[in-house]
N, C-alpha and C. Protein backbone atom coordinates (compact mmCIF):
# COMPACT_ATOMS: atom_id res chain seq x y z
N UNK A 1 185.85 5.76 111.27
CA UNK A 1 186.03 7.12 110.80
C UNK A 1 185.87 8.07 111.99
N UNK A 2 186.86 9.00 112.16
CA UNK A 2 186.76 9.91 113.30
C UNK A 2 185.63 10.91 113.08
N UNK A 3 185.08 11.44 114.17
CA UNK A 3 184.00 12.42 114.03
C UNK A 3 184.52 13.74 113.43
N UNK A 4 183.63 14.44 112.74
CA UNK A 4 183.98 15.74 112.16
C UNK A 4 183.83 16.80 113.24
N UNK A 5 184.94 17.50 113.49
CA UNK A 5 184.91 18.57 114.48
C UNK A 5 184.69 19.91 113.77
N UNK A 6 184.34 20.89 114.57
CA UNK A 6 184.15 22.22 114.02
C UNK A 6 185.46 22.74 113.43
N UNK A 7 186.57 22.48 114.11
CA UNK A 7 187.88 22.91 113.63
C UNK A 7 188.21 22.23 112.29
N UNK A 8 187.98 20.95 112.19
CA UNK A 8 188.23 20.21 110.95
C UNK A 8 187.37 20.72 109.81
N UNK A 9 186.12 21.03 110.11
CA UNK A 9 185.22 21.56 109.09
C UNK A 9 185.68 22.92 108.59
N UNK A 10 186.07 23.80 109.51
CA UNK A 10 186.55 25.13 109.13
C UNK A 10 187.84 25.03 108.31
N UNK A 11 188.79 24.21 108.76
CA UNK A 11 190.04 24.05 108.03
C UNK A 11 189.82 23.42 106.66
N UNK A 12 188.95 22.44 106.58
CA UNK A 12 188.64 21.81 105.29
C UNK A 12 187.98 22.79 104.33
N UNK A 13 187.05 23.58 104.85
CA UNK A 13 186.38 24.58 104.01
C UNK A 13 187.35 25.65 103.53
N UNK A 14 188.24 26.08 104.44
CA UNK A 14 189.22 27.09 104.06
C UNK A 14 190.18 26.54 103.01
N UNK A 15 190.57 25.30 103.15
CA UNK A 15 191.47 24.69 102.16
C UNK A 15 190.80 24.58 100.80
N UNK A 16 189.56 24.16 100.79
CA UNK A 16 188.82 24.05 99.52
C UNK A 16 188.64 25.41 98.88
N UNK A 17 188.32 26.42 99.69
CA UNK A 17 188.14 27.77 99.15
C UNK A 17 189.45 28.31 98.58
N UNK A 18 190.56 28.04 99.26
CA UNK A 18 191.86 28.50 98.78
C UNK A 18 192.19 27.86 97.44
N UNK A 19 191.95 26.57 97.33
CA UNK A 19 192.22 25.90 96.06
C UNK A 19 191.33 26.44 94.95
N UNK A 20 190.08 26.68 95.25
CA UNK A 20 189.14 27.17 94.24
C UNK A 20 189.49 28.59 93.82
N UNK A 21 189.82 29.44 94.76
CA UNK A 21 190.15 30.83 94.44
C UNK A 21 191.51 30.92 93.77
N UNK A 22 192.45 30.09 94.19
CA UNK A 22 193.81 30.17 93.67
C UNK A 22 193.99 29.63 92.27
N UNK A 23 193.14 28.72 91.83
CA UNK A 23 193.35 28.07 90.55
C UNK A 23 192.13 28.08 89.63
N UNK A 24 191.26 29.06 89.64
CA UNK A 24 190.06 28.95 88.81
C UNK A 24 190.36 29.07 87.32
N UNK A 25 191.32 29.88 86.96
CA UNK A 25 191.57 30.12 85.53
C UNK A 25 192.16 28.88 84.87
N UNK A 26 193.12 28.26 85.51
CA UNK A 26 193.73 27.06 84.94
C UNK A 26 192.72 25.93 84.87
N UNK A 27 191.91 25.80 85.91
CA UNK A 27 190.94 24.70 85.94
C UNK A 27 189.87 24.89 84.87
N UNK A 28 189.49 26.14 84.61
CA UNK A 28 188.42 26.40 83.65
C UNK A 28 188.92 26.33 82.21
N UNK A 29 190.20 26.47 82.02
CA UNK A 29 190.74 26.50 80.66
C UNK A 29 190.92 25.08 80.13
N UNK A 30 190.76 24.96 78.83
CA UNK A 30 191.03 23.68 78.19
C UNK A 30 192.50 23.59 77.83
N UNK A 31 192.92 22.49 77.23
CA UNK A 31 194.34 22.28 76.93
C UNK A 31 194.87 23.29 75.91
N UNK A 32 194.08 23.65 74.93
CA UNK A 32 194.46 24.64 73.94
C UNK A 32 193.18 25.27 73.40
N UNK A 33 193.29 26.17 72.45
CA UNK A 33 192.09 26.82 71.94
C UNK A 33 191.90 26.53 70.46
N UNK A 34 190.68 26.71 70.01
CA UNK A 34 190.36 26.48 68.60
C UNK A 34 190.71 27.73 67.80
N UNK A 35 190.65 27.60 66.50
CA UNK A 35 190.92 28.74 65.62
C UNK A 35 189.92 29.86 65.87
N UNK A 36 188.64 29.51 66.01
CA UNK A 36 187.62 30.54 66.26
C UNK A 36 187.86 31.25 67.59
N UNK A 37 188.26 30.49 68.61
CA UNK A 37 188.56 31.11 69.91
C UNK A 37 189.78 32.02 69.80
N UNK A 38 190.77 31.59 69.01
CA UNK A 38 191.97 32.41 68.83
C UNK A 38 191.64 33.71 68.09
N UNK A 39 190.78 33.61 67.08
CA UNK A 39 190.38 34.83 66.37
C UNK A 39 189.61 35.78 67.30
N UNK A 40 188.75 35.22 68.14
CA UNK A 40 188.02 36.06 69.10
C UNK A 40 188.98 36.70 70.10
N UNK A 41 189.93 35.93 70.59
CA UNK A 41 190.94 36.46 71.49
C UNK A 41 191.76 37.55 70.81
N UNK A 42 192.18 37.30 69.58
CA UNK A 42 192.97 38.27 68.83
C UNK A 42 192.18 39.55 68.59
N UNK A 43 190.90 39.42 68.30
CA UNK A 43 190.04 40.60 68.10
C UNK A 43 189.96 41.42 69.38
N UNK A 44 189.81 40.72 70.51
CA UNK A 44 189.74 41.42 71.80
C UNK A 44 191.05 42.14 72.10
N UNK A 45 192.18 41.51 71.81
CA UNK A 45 193.47 42.10 72.14
C UNK A 45 193.88 43.22 71.19
N UNK A 46 193.58 43.07 69.90
CA UNK A 46 194.01 44.06 68.92
C UNK A 46 193.01 45.19 68.74
N UNK A 47 191.76 44.95 69.11
CA UNK A 47 190.72 45.96 68.89
C UNK A 47 190.21 45.97 67.46
N UNK A 48 190.57 44.96 66.68
CA UNK A 48 190.13 44.83 65.29
C UNK A 48 188.97 43.86 65.26
N UNK A 49 187.99 44.11 64.42
CA UNK A 49 186.84 43.22 64.31
C UNK A 49 187.31 41.82 63.90
N UNK A 50 186.70 40.82 64.49
CA UNK A 50 187.08 39.44 64.20
C UNK A 50 186.96 39.12 62.71
N UNK A 51 185.98 39.71 62.05
CA UNK A 51 185.80 39.47 60.62
C UNK A 51 186.94 40.06 59.79
N UNK A 52 187.69 41.00 60.35
CA UNK A 52 188.82 41.60 59.65
C UNK A 52 190.14 40.86 59.86
N UNK A 53 190.09 39.80 60.66
CA UNK A 53 191.29 38.99 60.90
C UNK A 53 191.24 37.77 59.98
N UNK A 54 192.17 37.70 59.07
CA UNK A 54 192.22 36.63 58.08
C UNK A 54 192.34 35.28 58.78
N UNK A 55 191.45 34.33 58.43
CA UNK A 55 191.42 33.02 59.08
C UNK A 55 192.69 32.22 58.79
N UNK A 56 193.22 32.32 57.57
CA UNK A 56 194.45 31.59 57.24
C UNK A 56 195.62 32.13 58.06
N UNK A 57 195.72 33.45 58.16
CA UNK A 57 196.78 34.06 58.96
C UNK A 57 196.63 33.68 60.43
N UNK A 58 195.40 33.69 60.92
CA UNK A 58 195.15 33.32 62.31
C UNK A 58 195.58 31.88 62.56
N UNK A 59 195.30 31.00 61.62
CA UNK A 59 195.71 29.61 61.76
C UNK A 59 197.21 29.45 61.84
N UNK A 60 197.94 30.20 61.03
CA UNK A 60 199.40 30.14 61.06
C UNK A 60 199.94 30.67 62.38
N UNK A 61 199.39 31.78 62.86
CA UNK A 61 199.84 32.35 64.12
C UNK A 61 199.55 31.39 65.27
N UNK A 62 198.36 30.80 65.27
CA UNK A 62 197.99 29.84 66.32
C UNK A 62 198.91 28.62 66.27
N UNK A 63 199.15 28.09 65.08
CA UNK A 63 200.04 26.93 64.96
C UNK A 63 201.44 27.26 65.48
N UNK A 64 201.92 28.46 65.20
CA UNK A 64 203.23 28.87 65.69
C UNK A 64 203.29 28.92 67.21
N UNK A 65 202.26 29.48 67.82
CA UNK A 65 202.22 29.57 69.28
C UNK A 65 202.10 28.18 69.91
N UNK A 66 201.29 27.33 69.31
CA UNK A 66 201.13 25.97 69.84
C UNK A 66 202.43 25.19 69.70
N UNK A 67 203.16 25.40 68.59
CA UNK A 67 204.43 24.69 68.40
C UNK A 67 205.45 25.08 69.46
N UNK A 68 205.28 26.25 70.06
CA UNK A 68 206.18 26.70 71.13
C UNK A 68 205.70 26.25 72.51
N UNK A 69 204.61 25.47 72.55
CA UNK A 69 204.08 24.97 73.81
C UNK A 69 203.21 25.97 74.55
N UNK A 70 202.67 26.93 73.85
CA UNK A 70 201.88 27.97 74.51
C UNK A 70 200.38 27.72 74.47
N UNK A 71 199.96 26.54 74.01
CA UNK A 71 198.53 26.21 73.93
C UNK A 71 197.78 26.38 75.24
N UNK A 72 198.28 25.81 76.35
CA UNK A 72 197.58 25.98 77.63
C UNK A 72 197.50 27.44 78.08
N UNK A 73 198.57 28.21 77.86
CA UNK A 73 198.56 29.62 78.23
C UNK A 73 197.57 30.41 77.37
N UNK A 74 197.44 30.04 76.11
CA UNK A 74 196.46 30.67 75.23
C UNK A 74 195.05 30.40 75.73
N UNK A 75 194.81 29.16 76.17
CA UNK A 75 193.49 28.79 76.67
C UNK A 75 193.14 29.60 77.92
N UNK A 76 194.11 29.80 78.80
CA UNK A 76 193.88 30.60 80.01
C UNK A 76 193.59 32.05 79.62
N UNK A 77 194.37 32.58 78.70
CA UNK A 77 194.19 33.96 78.25
C UNK A 77 192.83 34.15 77.59
N UNK A 78 192.37 33.14 76.88
CA UNK A 78 191.08 33.24 76.19
C UNK A 78 189.91 33.31 77.15
N UNK A 79 190.02 32.66 78.32
CA UNK A 79 188.89 32.66 79.26
C UNK A 79 188.97 33.78 80.29
N UNK A 80 190.10 34.48 80.37
CA UNK A 80 190.24 35.53 81.38
C UNK A 80 190.65 36.85 80.76
N UNK A 81 189.69 37.74 80.50
CA UNK A 81 190.02 39.05 79.92
C UNK A 81 190.93 39.89 80.80
N UNK A 82 191.01 39.57 82.08
CA UNK A 82 191.87 40.32 83.00
C UNK A 82 193.35 40.10 82.74
N UNK A 83 193.70 39.11 81.95
CA UNK A 83 195.10 38.82 81.67
C UNK A 83 195.59 39.48 80.38
N UNK A 84 194.87 40.46 79.89
CA UNK A 84 195.21 41.09 78.61
C UNK A 84 196.50 41.87 78.64
N UNK A 85 197.08 42.10 79.79
CA UNK A 85 198.33 42.85 79.88
C UNK A 85 199.56 41.96 80.00
N UNK A 86 199.43 40.68 79.73
CA UNK A 86 200.55 39.76 79.88
C UNK A 86 201.48 39.81 78.67
N UNK A 87 202.65 39.20 78.84
CA UNK A 87 203.62 39.15 77.74
C UNK A 87 203.06 38.37 76.55
N UNK A 88 202.30 37.31 76.81
CA UNK A 88 201.71 36.53 75.72
C UNK A 88 200.70 37.36 74.95
N UNK A 89 199.89 38.14 75.65
CA UNK A 89 198.92 39.01 74.98
C UNK A 89 199.64 40.03 74.11
N UNK A 90 200.71 40.61 74.63
CA UNK A 90 201.50 41.56 73.85
C UNK A 90 202.12 40.90 72.62
N UNK A 91 202.56 39.65 72.79
CA UNK A 91 203.16 38.92 71.67
C UNK A 91 202.12 38.67 70.57
N UNK A 92 200.90 38.34 70.95
CA UNK A 92 199.85 38.12 69.97
C UNK A 92 199.58 39.39 69.17
N UNK A 93 199.48 40.51 69.86
CA UNK A 93 199.24 41.79 69.18
C UNK A 93 200.41 42.12 68.25
N UNK A 94 201.63 41.94 68.73
CA UNK A 94 202.81 42.24 67.91
C UNK A 94 202.86 41.37 66.66
N UNK A 95 202.51 40.09 66.78
CA UNK A 95 202.56 39.22 65.60
C UNK A 95 201.50 39.61 64.59
N UNK A 96 200.32 40.00 65.06
CA UNK A 96 199.28 40.42 64.12
C UNK A 96 199.70 41.69 63.37
N UNK A 97 200.30 42.64 64.07
CA UNK A 97 200.67 43.90 63.42
C UNK A 97 201.90 43.77 62.53
N UNK A 98 202.88 42.98 62.97
CA UNK A 98 204.11 42.87 62.18
C UNK A 98 204.01 41.84 61.07
N UNK A 99 203.23 40.80 61.30
CA UNK A 99 203.12 39.73 60.32
C UNK A 99 204.17 38.65 60.49
N UNK A 100 205.10 38.81 61.41
CA UNK A 100 206.10 37.77 61.66
C UNK A 100 205.84 37.16 63.03
N UNK A 101 206.13 35.87 63.14
CA UNK A 101 205.87 35.15 64.37
C UNK A 101 206.89 34.05 64.57
N UNK A 102 207.05 33.64 65.82
CA UNK A 102 208.01 32.59 66.15
C UNK A 102 207.33 31.23 66.09
N UNK A 103 208.09 30.23 65.66
CA UNK A 103 207.66 28.84 65.68
C UNK A 103 208.79 28.02 66.27
N UNK A 104 208.55 26.75 66.49
CA UNK A 104 209.61 25.89 67.00
C UNK A 104 210.72 25.71 65.97
N UNK A 105 210.43 25.99 64.69
CA UNK A 105 211.43 25.87 63.63
C UNK A 105 212.12 27.20 63.32
N UNK A 106 211.73 28.28 63.99
CA UNK A 106 212.31 29.60 63.74
C UNK A 106 211.24 30.63 63.44
N UNK A 107 211.67 31.75 62.90
CA UNK A 107 210.74 32.84 62.60
C UNK A 107 210.06 32.58 61.26
N UNK A 108 208.75 32.87 61.20
CA UNK A 108 207.97 32.70 59.98
C UNK A 108 207.15 33.97 59.78
N UNK A 109 206.47 34.05 58.66
CA UNK A 109 205.66 35.24 58.36
C UNK A 109 204.36 34.85 57.68
N UNK A 110 203.34 35.64 57.97
CA UNK A 110 202.07 35.51 57.26
C UNK A 110 202.15 36.38 56.00
N UNK A 111 201.16 36.30 55.15
CA UNK A 111 201.09 37.16 53.97
C UNK A 111 201.15 38.61 54.44
N UNK A 112 202.05 39.38 53.90
CA UNK A 112 202.27 40.76 54.35
C UNK A 112 200.99 41.60 54.28
N UNK A 113 200.12 41.30 53.35
CA UNK A 113 198.87 42.06 53.24
C UNK A 113 197.93 41.80 54.41
N UNK A 114 198.13 40.69 55.13
CA UNK A 114 197.29 40.38 56.28
C UNK A 114 197.80 40.99 57.57
N UNK A 115 199.01 41.53 57.57
CA UNK A 115 199.54 42.19 58.76
C UNK A 115 198.71 43.44 59.04
N UNK A 116 198.31 43.60 60.30
CA UNK A 116 197.43 44.72 60.65
C UNK A 116 198.10 46.08 60.53
N UNK A 117 199.41 46.10 60.42
CA UNK A 117 200.13 47.35 60.24
C UNK A 117 199.56 48.14 59.07
N UNK A 118 199.23 47.45 57.99
CA UNK A 118 198.78 48.13 56.78
C UNK A 118 197.35 48.63 56.89
N UNK A 119 196.57 48.08 57.82
CA UNK A 119 195.24 48.62 58.09
C UNK A 119 195.34 49.88 58.95
N UNK A 120 196.35 49.88 59.85
CA UNK A 120 196.56 51.04 60.71
C UNK A 120 197.15 52.20 59.91
N UNK A 121 198.02 51.89 58.95
CA UNK A 121 198.63 52.92 58.11
C UNK A 121 197.89 52.96 56.77
N UNK A 122 196.67 53.45 56.81
CA UNK A 122 195.83 53.41 55.61
C UNK A 122 196.30 54.37 54.51
N UNK A 123 197.31 55.19 54.78
CA UNK A 123 197.81 56.11 53.77
C UNK A 123 198.94 55.51 52.93
N UNK A 124 199.34 54.29 53.26
CA UNK A 124 200.42 53.64 52.52
C UNK A 124 200.11 52.17 52.33
N UNK A 125 201.00 51.44 51.72
CA UNK A 125 200.79 50.03 51.42
C UNK A 125 202.13 49.30 51.49
N UNK A 126 202.10 47.97 51.55
CA UNK A 126 203.37 47.23 51.57
C UNK A 126 204.13 47.41 50.27
N UNK A 127 205.43 47.27 50.32
CA UNK A 127 206.25 47.33 49.11
C UNK A 127 205.80 46.27 48.13
N UNK A 128 205.78 46.62 46.89
CA UNK A 128 205.44 45.67 45.85
C UNK A 128 203.96 45.46 45.64
N UNK A 129 203.13 46.15 46.41
CA UNK A 129 201.68 46.03 46.25
C UNK A 129 201.18 47.28 45.54
N UNK A 130 200.50 47.07 44.45
CA UNK A 130 199.99 48.20 43.67
C UNK A 130 198.85 48.86 44.42
N UNK A 131 198.85 50.18 44.45
CA UNK A 131 197.82 50.91 45.17
C UNK A 131 196.57 51.14 44.36
N UNK A 132 196.69 51.13 43.05
CA UNK A 132 195.54 51.37 42.19
C UNK A 132 196.02 51.34 40.74
N UNK A 133 195.26 51.97 39.88
CA UNK A 133 195.64 52.03 38.47
C UNK A 133 196.88 52.91 38.30
N UNK A 134 197.60 52.71 37.23
CA UNK A 134 198.80 53.49 36.95
C UNK A 134 198.46 54.98 37.00
N UNK A 135 199.28 55.73 37.70
CA UNK A 135 199.10 57.17 37.80
C UNK A 135 198.26 57.60 38.99
N UNK A 136 197.80 56.65 39.83
CA UNK A 136 196.95 57.02 40.96
C UNK A 136 197.67 57.97 41.92
N UNK A 137 199.00 57.89 41.98
CA UNK A 137 199.77 58.71 42.88
C UNK A 137 199.77 60.19 42.50
N UNK A 138 199.35 60.52 41.30
CA UNK A 138 199.32 61.92 40.85
C UNK A 138 198.11 62.66 41.43
N UNK A 139 197.12 61.93 41.89
CA UNK A 139 195.91 62.53 42.46
C UNK A 139 196.10 62.76 43.96
N UNK A 140 195.46 63.76 44.55
CA UNK A 140 195.55 63.98 45.99
C UNK A 140 194.99 62.78 46.74
N UNK A 141 195.59 62.47 47.90
CA UNK A 141 195.14 61.37 48.73
C UNK A 141 193.75 61.65 49.29
N UNK A 142 192.86 60.69 49.18
CA UNK A 142 191.50 60.84 49.71
C UNK A 142 191.24 59.68 50.64
N UNK A 143 191.05 59.98 51.89
CA UNK A 143 190.82 58.93 52.88
C UNK A 143 189.39 58.57 52.98
């Protein structure tokens, strides 16, 4: 074995540092994320409390993203809050608010009542959903 020179030590250390700095997020991320991790990520991205994100809807959205091969990217996004401005982060927010999401089989939808749009627009409701007892619309709106 050849002796270790100062030059070899410096180059080896620089190479190791470059690899560590260049790839920490991928190395720290797991292959995909769990439902609880996805709900926490969704809460962070949407600004909605995790308890207000329906678990069944979250499962459908997560399954759709995983079916498109986005599991590893979700895992990276979950461990790095600095990536919140990516296209995937925007897609997650859009799916939660619209209620429709892409899957490998095409476009699908969660229960319309679980779409965050209706929480943001608290003065209205989805079509076909009763707002209250008959005649409630005759009274002034009270927020």
